[in-house]
Amino acid sequence: TATQSAAFDKRTRFIRLIADADCHVAVAANPTATVASTKLEANVAEYFGVQPVGTTGHKLSAYDGSS
């Protein structure tokens, strides 16, 4: 199943992600990561820009690929 974070602070503009296993991620106001979402490879740093949404920031959703 996908897991969703709390909203990022409205001042957050970039996030850096490093996973210890391959996974899929989505960043949006109310994301749900799936196998079709951006793939994040294990032990590779990736940066994502995030937009402020109203009074709270975007959220991150991660999916490990299992059902």
N, C-alpha and C. Protein backbone atom coordinates (compact mmCIF):
# COMPACT_ATOMS: atom_id res chain seq x y z
N THR A 1 0.83 -1.19 0.00
CA THR A 1 0.00 0.00 0.00
C THR A 1 0.87 1.25 0.00
N ALA A 2 0.31 2.34 -0.42
CA ALA A 2 1.03 3.61 -0.43
C ALA A 2 0.88 4.29 0.93
N THR A 3 1.92 5.00 1.32
CA THR A 3 1.90 5.75 2.56
C THR A 3 2.09 7.22 2.24
N GLN A 4 1.33 8.09 2.90
CA GLN A 4 1.38 9.52 2.62
C GLN A 4 1.94 10.26 3.83
N SER A 5 2.82 11.24 3.57
CA SER A 5 3.40 12.04 4.64
C SER A 5 2.43 13.14 5.08
N ALA A 6 2.83 13.82 6.11
CA ALA A 6 2.13 15.05 6.48
C ALA A 6 2.52 16.12 5.45
N ALA A 7 1.78 17.19 5.40
CA ALA A 7 2.08 18.27 4.46
C ALA A 7 3.41 18.92 4.82
N PHE A 8 4.17 19.26 3.78
CA PHE A 8 5.41 20.01 3.99
C PHE A 8 5.05 21.44 4.36
N ASP A 9 5.95 22.08 5.06
CA ASP A 9 5.78 23.47 5.43
C ASP A 9 5.60 24.31 4.16
N LYS A 10 4.80 25.35 4.22
CA LYS A 10 4.54 26.17 3.03
C LYS A 10 5.80 26.88 2.52
N ARG A 11 6.86 26.89 3.32
CA ARG A 11 8.12 27.51 2.88
C ARG A 11 9.05 26.51 2.20
N THR A 12 8.71 25.23 2.23
CA THR A 12 9.56 24.20 1.62
C THR A 12 9.44 24.29 0.10
N ARG A 13 10.60 24.32 -0.58
CA ARG A 13 10.60 24.43 -2.04
C ARG A 13 11.21 23.19 -2.71
N PHE A 14 12.11 22.49 -2.02
CA PHE A 14 12.75 21.29 -2.55
C PHE A 14 12.84 20.24 -1.45
N ILE A 15 12.75 18.97 -1.85
CA ILE A 15 13.00 17.87 -0.93
C ILE A 15 14.03 16.94 -1.56
N ARG A 16 14.82 16.28 -0.75
CA ARG A 16 15.81 15.31 -1.20
C ARG A 16 15.40 13.96 -0.64
N LEU A 17 15.31 12.96 -1.52
CA LEU A 17 14.88 11.63 -1.12
C LEU A 17 15.98 10.62 -1.41
N ILE A 18 16.23 9.73 -0.47
CA ILE A 18 17.11 8.57 -0.65
C ILE A 18 16.40 7.40 -0.02
N ALA A 19 16.13 6.37 -0.80
CA ALA A 19 15.45 5.17 -0.29
C ALA A 19 16.45 4.04 -0.15
N ASP A 20 16.23 3.15 0.80
CA ASP A 20 17.12 2.01 0.96
C ASP A 20 16.65 0.80 0.15
N ALA A 21 15.55 0.97 -0.58
CA ALA A 21 15.05 -0.07 -1.49
C ALA A 21 14.32 0.64 -2.63
N ASP A 22 14.24 0.01 -3.79
CA ASP A 22 13.49 0.60 -4.90
C ASP A 22 12.05 0.85 -4.47
N CYS A 23 11.50 1.99 -4.89
CA CYS A 23 10.11 2.31 -4.57
C CYS A 23 9.59 3.29 -5.61
N HIS A 24 8.34 3.67 -5.47
CA HIS A 24 7.71 4.65 -6.34
C HIS A 24 7.21 5.79 -5.46
N VAL A 25 7.36 7.02 -5.96
CA VAL A 25 6.96 8.18 -5.17
C VAL A 25 6.11 9.13 -6.00
N ALA A 26 5.27 9.87 -5.31
CA ALA A 26 4.45 10.91 -5.92
C ALA A 26 4.42 12.10 -4.96
N VAL A 27 4.48 13.30 -5.52
CA VAL A 27 4.41 14.53 -4.73
C VAL A 27 3.27 15.37 -5.28
N ALA A 28 2.32 15.71 -4.42
CA ALA A 28 1.16 16.52 -4.82
C ALA A 28 0.41 16.95 -3.57
N ALA A 29 -0.71 17.62 -3.76
CA ALA A 29 -1.52 18.06 -2.63
C ALA A 29 -2.12 16.87 -1.87
N ASN A 30 -2.51 15.83 -2.60
CA ASN A 30 -3.09 14.64 -1.98
C ASN A 30 -2.67 13.41 -2.80
N PRO A 31 -1.38 13.06 -2.79
CA PRO A 31 -0.88 12.02 -3.68
C PRO A 31 -1.13 10.60 -3.18
N THR A 32 -1.22 9.69 -4.13
CA THR A 32 -1.22 8.26 -3.83
C THR A 32 -0.27 7.62 -4.83
N ALA A 33 0.90 7.21 -4.37
CA ALA A 33 1.89 6.60 -5.25
C ALA A 33 1.43 5.21 -5.66
N THR A 34 1.71 4.87 -6.92
CA THR A 34 1.41 3.55 -7.46
C THR A 34 2.62 3.08 -8.26
N VAL A 35 2.52 1.90 -8.84
CA VAL A 35 3.60 1.39 -9.68
C VAL A 35 3.82 2.28 -10.90
N ALA A 36 2.85 3.08 -11.28
CA ALA A 36 2.98 4.00 -12.40
C ALA A 36 3.64 5.33 -12.03
N SER A 37 3.85 5.56 -10.72
CA SER A 37 4.47 6.80 -10.26
C SER A 37 5.98 6.77 -10.50
N THR A 38 6.63 7.90 -10.28
CA THR A 38 8.08 8.03 -10.47
C THR A 38 8.82 6.97 -9.66
N LYS A 39 9.72 6.24 -10.33
CA LYS A 39 10.49 5.21 -9.64
C LYS A 39 11.72 5.85 -9.00
N LEU A 40 11.94 5.53 -7.73
CA LEU A 40 13.11 5.97 -6.99
C LEU A 40 13.97 4.74 -6.73
N GLU A 41 15.17 4.73 -7.29
CA GLU A 41 16.05 3.57 -7.12
C GLU A 41 16.76 3.63 -5.78
N ALA A 42 17.04 2.48 -5.23
CA ALA A 42 17.70 2.38 -3.93
C ALA A 42 19.05 3.08 -3.94
N ASN A 43 19.32 3.80 -2.86
CA ASN A 43 20.62 4.45 -2.60
C ASN A 43 21.02 5.49 -3.64
N VAL A 44 20.04 6.08 -4.31
CA VAL A 44 20.29 7.15 -5.27
C VAL A 44 19.52 8.39 -4.80
N ALA A 45 20.22 9.49 -4.59
CA ALA A 45 19.56 10.72 -4.14
C ALA A 45 18.84 11.37 -5.30
N GLU A 46 17.62 11.79 -5.06
CA GLU A 46 16.82 12.52 -6.05
C GLU A 46 16.24 13.76 -5.37
N TYR A 47 16.16 14.83 -6.11
CA TYR A 47 15.59 16.08 -5.62
C TYR A 47 14.27 16.33 -6.34
N PHE A 48 13.29 16.84 -5.59
CA PHE A 48 11.99 17.16 -6.16
C PHE A 48 11.60 18.56 -5.71
N GLY A 49 11.11 19.36 -6.66
CA GLY A 49 10.56 20.65 -6.32
C GLY A 49 9.14 20.48 -5.83
N VAL A 50 8.77 21.22 -4.82
CA VAL A 50 7.40 21.17 -4.30
C VAL A 50 6.81 22.56 -4.30
N GLN A 51 5.52 22.64 -4.46
CA GLN A 51 4.81 23.91 -4.52
C GLN A 51 4.01 24.11 -3.24
N PRO A 52 3.94 25.35 -2.76
CA PRO A 52 3.04 25.59 -1.64
C PRO A 52 1.59 25.44 -2.11
N VAL A 53 0.76 24.87 -1.28
CA VAL A 53 -0.65 24.67 -1.62
C VAL A 53 -1.46 25.29 -0.49
N GLY A 54 -2.11 26.38 -0.77
CA GLY A 54 -2.89 27.05 0.27
C GLY A 54 -2.00 27.41 1.44
N THR A 55 -2.36 26.99 2.62
CA THR A 55 -1.56 27.31 3.80
C THR A 55 -0.62 26.17 4.17
N THR A 56 -0.68 25.05 3.45
CA THR A 56 0.21 23.93 3.71
C THR A 56 0.88 23.49 2.41
N GLY A 57 1.97 22.81 2.55
CA GLY A 57 2.69 22.37 1.37
C GLY A 57 2.21 21.04 0.83
N HIS A 58 2.84 20.64 -0.29
CA HIS A 58 2.57 19.34 -0.87
C HIS A 58 2.88 18.23 0.12
N LYS A 59 2.49 17.02 -0.23
CA LYS A 59 2.78 15.83 0.55
C LYS A 59 3.53 14.85 -0.33
N LEU A 60 4.19 13.90 0.30
CA LEU A 60 4.90 12.84 -0.39
C LEU A 60 4.17 11.53 -0.14
N SER A 61 4.00 10.74 -1.17
CA SER A 61 3.45 9.40 -1.04
C SER A 61 4.48 8.43 -1.57
N ALA A 62 4.71 7.33 -0.87
CA ALA A 62 5.65 6.30 -1.30
C ALA A 62 4.96 4.96 -1.35
N TYR A 63 5.35 4.17 -2.36
CA TYR A 63 4.79 2.85 -2.57
C TYR A 63 5.94 1.89 -2.81
N ASP A 64 5.99 0.79 -2.07
CA ASP A 64 7.12 -0.14 -2.17
C ASP A 64 6.99 -1.18 -3.29
N GLY A 65 5.88 -1.16 -4.01
CA GLY A 65 5.70 -2.06 -5.12
C GLY A 65 4.99 -3.35 -4.77
N SER A 66 4.73 -3.59 -3.50
CA SER A 66 4.00 -4.80 -3.10
C SER A 66 2.51 -4.54 -3.12
N SER A 67 1.74 -5.58 -3.06
CA SER A 67 0.29 -5.39 -3.07
C SER A 67 -0.29 -5.49 -1.69
